[in-house]
Amino acid sequence: MSEQLDLFTEPEKNKLDSENIPNSSNDHRILYFDLETQKSADDVGGWGNIHDMKLAVGVVWDSVDQKHFSYL
């Protein structure tokens, strides 16, 4: 599973820098996260083998910035 640890890092083009960090806002920030796998629990022999399901894509939607970030 160690080979999957870098899957949750942001691609270079989406990394925040001092120019695109959002200003403080009174809006509450809500992050919606969705993770899709390449295989189902049945495909890998049950939920005890989730490490074999493999990440297909992860997506985060930011309610304040109105932007999504995807992790392939």
N, C-alpha and C. Protein backbone atom coordinates (compact mmCIF):
# COMPACT_ATOMS: atom_id res chain seq x y z
N MET A 1 0.82 -1.19 0.00
CA MET A 1 0.00 0.00 0.00
C MET A 1 0.86 1.25 0.00
N SER A 2 2.12 1.14 0.33
CA SER A 2 2.98 2.32 0.37
C SER A 2 3.08 3.00 -0.99
N GLU A 3 2.89 2.24 -2.06
CA GLU A 3 2.95 2.84 -3.40
C GLU A 3 1.77 3.76 -3.66
N GLN A 4 0.71 3.70 -2.84
CA GLN A 4 -0.46 4.54 -3.04
C GLN A 4 -0.42 5.81 -2.19
N LEU A 5 0.56 5.96 -1.31
CA LEU A 5 0.57 7.10 -0.40
C LEU A 5 0.66 8.43 -1.12
N ASP A 6 1.31 8.49 -2.27
CA ASP A 6 1.43 9.76 -2.98
C ASP A 6 0.20 10.08 -3.83
N LEU A 7 -0.82 9.24 -3.83
CA LEU A 7 -2.01 9.49 -4.62
C LEU A 7 -2.81 10.69 -4.12
N PHE A 8 -2.60 11.07 -2.87
CA PHE A 8 -3.37 12.16 -2.30
C PHE A 8 -2.62 13.47 -2.30
N THR A 9 -1.50 13.54 -2.98
CA THR A 9 -0.80 14.81 -3.12
C THR A 9 -1.40 15.55 -4.31
N GLU A 10 -1.34 16.86 -4.26
CA GLU A 10 -1.92 17.65 -5.33
C GLU A 10 -0.99 17.67 -6.54
N PRO A 11 -1.54 17.59 -7.74
CA PRO A 11 -0.71 17.77 -8.93
C PRO A 11 -0.09 19.17 -8.90
N GLU A 12 1.05 19.33 -9.52
CA GLU A 12 1.78 20.60 -9.48
C GLU A 12 0.91 21.78 -9.88
N LYS A 13 0.07 21.65 -10.90
CA LYS A 13 -0.71 22.79 -11.37
C LYS A 13 -1.77 23.22 -10.36
N ASN A 14 -2.15 22.36 -9.41
CA ASN A 14 -3.17 22.71 -8.43
C ASN A 14 -2.59 23.14 -7.08
N LYS A 15 -1.28 23.07 -6.91
CA LYS A 15 -0.70 23.44 -5.62
C LYS A 15 -0.91 24.92 -5.36
N LEU A 16 -1.22 25.23 -4.11
CA LEU A 16 -1.44 26.62 -3.73
C LEU A 16 -0.11 27.33 -3.54
N ASP A 17 -0.05 28.56 -3.97
CA ASP A 17 1.09 29.41 -3.66
C ASP A 17 0.56 30.72 -3.12
N SER A 18 1.43 31.63 -2.77
CA SER A 18 1.00 32.86 -2.12
C SER A 18 0.07 33.70 -2.99
N GLU A 19 0.08 33.50 -4.29
CA GLU A 19 -0.77 34.29 -5.18
C GLU A 19 -2.20 33.78 -5.27
N ASN A 20 -2.42 32.50 -5.00
CA ASN A 20 -3.78 31.99 -5.15
C ASN A 20 -4.37 31.41 -3.87
N ILE A 21 -3.82 31.79 -2.72
CA ILE A 21 -4.43 31.39 -1.46
C ILE A 21 -5.66 32.27 -1.24
N PRO A 22 -6.80 31.66 -0.96
CA PRO A 22 -8.02 32.46 -0.81
C PRO A 22 -7.92 33.42 0.38
N ASN A 23 -8.56 34.58 0.22
CA ASN A 23 -8.64 35.53 1.32
C ASN A 23 -9.56 34.96 2.39
N SER A 24 -9.38 35.43 3.62
CA SER A 24 -10.26 34.93 4.67
C SER A 24 -11.68 35.36 4.33
N SER A 25 -12.59 34.50 4.66
CA SER A 25 -13.98 34.73 4.29
C SER A 25 -14.87 34.38 5.47
N ASN A 26 -16.02 35.01 5.52
CA ASN A 26 -16.99 34.66 6.55
C ASN A 26 -17.78 33.42 6.16
N ASP A 27 -17.67 33.00 4.89
CA ASP A 27 -18.36 31.80 4.44
C ASP A 27 -17.74 30.58 5.10
N HIS A 28 -18.58 29.64 5.44
CA HIS A 28 -18.07 28.38 5.97
C HIS A 28 -17.58 27.54 4.81
N ARG A 29 -16.38 27.04 4.93
CA ARG A 29 -15.81 26.20 3.88
C ARG A 29 -16.27 24.76 4.10
N ILE A 30 -16.84 24.19 3.07
CA ILE A 30 -17.23 22.79 3.10
C ILE A 30 -16.49 22.10 1.97
N LEU A 31 -15.83 21.00 2.30
CA LEU A 31 -15.14 20.20 1.30
C LEU A 31 -15.91 18.90 1.13
N TYR A 32 -16.30 18.63 -0.09
CA TYR A 32 -16.97 17.38 -0.43
C TYR A 32 -15.93 16.47 -1.06
N PHE A 33 -15.83 15.25 -0.57
CA PHE A 33 -14.82 14.31 -1.04
C PHE A 33 -15.50 13.07 -1.58
N ASP A 34 -15.07 12.63 -2.77
CA ASP A 34 -15.59 11.40 -3.36
C ASP A 34 -14.41 10.57 -3.82
N LEU A 35 -14.44 9.30 -3.49
CA LEU A 35 -13.39 8.37 -3.86
C LEU A 35 -14.01 7.24 -4.66
N GLU A 36 -13.47 6.97 -5.82
CA GLU A 36 -13.93 5.86 -6.65
C GLU A 36 -12.79 4.85 -6.78
N THR A 37 -13.15 3.58 -6.76
CA THR A 37 -12.14 2.53 -6.86
C THR A 37 -12.26 1.79 -8.19
N GLN A 38 -11.18 1.11 -8.55
CA GLN A 38 -11.17 0.35 -9.80
C GLN A 38 -11.93 -0.97 -9.65
N LYS A 39 -11.97 -1.50 -8.43
CA LYS A 39 -12.62 -2.79 -8.19
C LYS A 39 -13.59 -2.66 -7.02
N SER A 40 -14.61 -3.50 -7.02
CA SER A 40 -15.57 -3.49 -5.92
C SER A 40 -15.08 -4.40 -4.79
N ALA A 41 -15.75 -4.32 -3.65
CA ALA A 41 -15.40 -5.19 -2.53
C ALA A 41 -15.58 -6.66 -2.92
N ASP A 42 -16.62 -6.94 -3.70
CA ASP A 42 -16.84 -8.32 -4.16
C ASP A 42 -15.70 -8.79 -5.05
N ASP A 43 -15.17 -7.89 -5.88
CA ASP A 43 -14.08 -8.26 -6.79
C ASP A 43 -12.82 -8.69 -6.06
N VAL A 44 -12.60 -8.13 -4.85
CA VAL A 44 -11.35 -8.41 -4.13
C VAL A 44 -11.55 -9.35 -2.95
N GLY A 45 -12.74 -9.94 -2.84
CA GLY A 45 -12.97 -10.92 -1.78
C GLY A 45 -13.46 -10.34 -0.47
N GLY A 46 -14.06 -9.16 -0.50
CA GLY A 46 -14.66 -8.58 0.71
C GLY A 46 -13.95 -7.33 1.19
N TRP A 47 -14.60 -6.66 2.16
CA TRP A 47 -14.10 -5.39 2.68
C TRP A 47 -12.79 -5.54 3.44
N GLY A 48 -12.44 -6.73 3.82
CA GLY A 48 -11.16 -6.96 4.50
C GLY A 48 -9.97 -6.80 3.56
N ASN A 49 -10.22 -6.70 2.28
CA ASN A 49 -9.15 -6.58 1.28
C ASN A 49 -9.22 -5.25 0.53
N ILE A 50 -9.59 -4.19 1.23
CA ILE A 50 -9.74 -2.90 0.54
C ILE A 50 -8.45 -2.41 -0.08
N HIS A 51 -7.32 -2.86 0.42
CA HIS A 51 -6.03 -2.45 -0.16
C HIS A 51 -5.89 -2.94 -1.60
N ASP A 52 -6.66 -3.94 -1.99
CA ASP A 52 -6.60 -4.46 -3.36
C ASP A 52 -7.59 -3.79 -4.31
N MET A 53 -8.42 -2.88 -3.81
CA MET A 53 -9.45 -2.25 -4.65
C MET A 53 -8.87 -1.23 -5.63
N LYS A 54 -7.79 -0.61 -5.32
CA LYS A 54 -7.07 0.35 -6.16
C LYS A 54 -7.89 1.62 -6.43
N LEU A 55 -7.24 2.73 -6.25
CA LEU A 55 -7.87 4.03 -6.47
C LEU A 55 -8.07 4.28 -7.96
N ALA A 56 -9.27 4.68 -8.35
CA ALA A 56 -9.53 5.11 -9.72
C ALA A 56 -9.38 6.63 -9.79
N VAL A 57 -10.10 7.33 -8.91
CA VAL A 57 -10.02 8.79 -8.86
C VAL A 57 -10.56 9.27 -7.52
N GLY A 58 -9.98 10.35 -7.04
CA GLY A 58 -10.50 11.05 -5.86
C GLY A 58 -10.77 12.49 -6.26
N VAL A 59 -11.89 13.04 -5.82
CA VAL A 59 -12.25 14.42 -6.18
C VAL A 59 -12.69 15.16 -4.92
N VAL A 60 -12.22 16.41 -4.81
CA VAL A 60 -12.63 17.28 -3.71
C VAL A 60 -13.24 18.54 -4.31
N TRP A 61 -14.43 18.92 -3.82
CA TRP A 61 -15.09 20.17 -4.23
C TRP A 61 -15.01 21.13 -3.06
N ASP A 62 -14.52 22.35 -3.32
CA ASP A 62 -14.38 23.39 -2.30
C ASP A 62 -15.54 24.37 -2.46
N SER A 63 -16.37 24.48 -1.44
CA SER A 63 -17.57 25.32 -1.54
C SER A 63 -17.26 26.81 -1.55
N VAL A 64 -16.15 27.23 -0.98
CA VAL A 64 -15.80 28.65 -0.96
C VAL A 64 -15.16 29.06 -2.28
N ASP A 65 -14.17 28.30 -2.72
CA ASP A 65 -13.48 28.63 -3.97
C ASP A 65 -14.27 28.24 -5.20
N GLN A 66 -15.30 27.40 -5.02
CA GLN A 66 -16.10 26.90 -6.14
C GLN A 66 -15.21 26.23 -7.18
N LYS A 67 -14.29 25.39 -6.69
CA LYS A 67 -13.36 24.68 -7.56
C LYS A 67 -13.29 23.23 -7.12
N HIS A 68 -12.94 22.38 -8.06
CA HIS A 68 -12.71 20.98 -7.70
C HIS A 68 -11.25 20.64 -7.97
N PHE A 69 -10.79 19.66 -7.23
CA PHE A 69 -9.43 19.15 -7.38
C PHE A 69 -9.55 17.64 -7.54
N SER A 70 -8.91 17.11 -8.56
CA SER A 70 -8.98 15.67 -8.77
C SER A 70 -7.60 15.05 -8.59
N TYR A 71 -7.62 13.84 -8.10
CA TYR A 71 -6.40 13.09 -7.80
C TYR A 71 -6.52 11.74 -8.50
N LEU A 72 -5.69 11.56 -9.50
CA LEU A 72 -5.73 10.33 -10.29
C LEU A 72 -4.65 9.39 -9.86
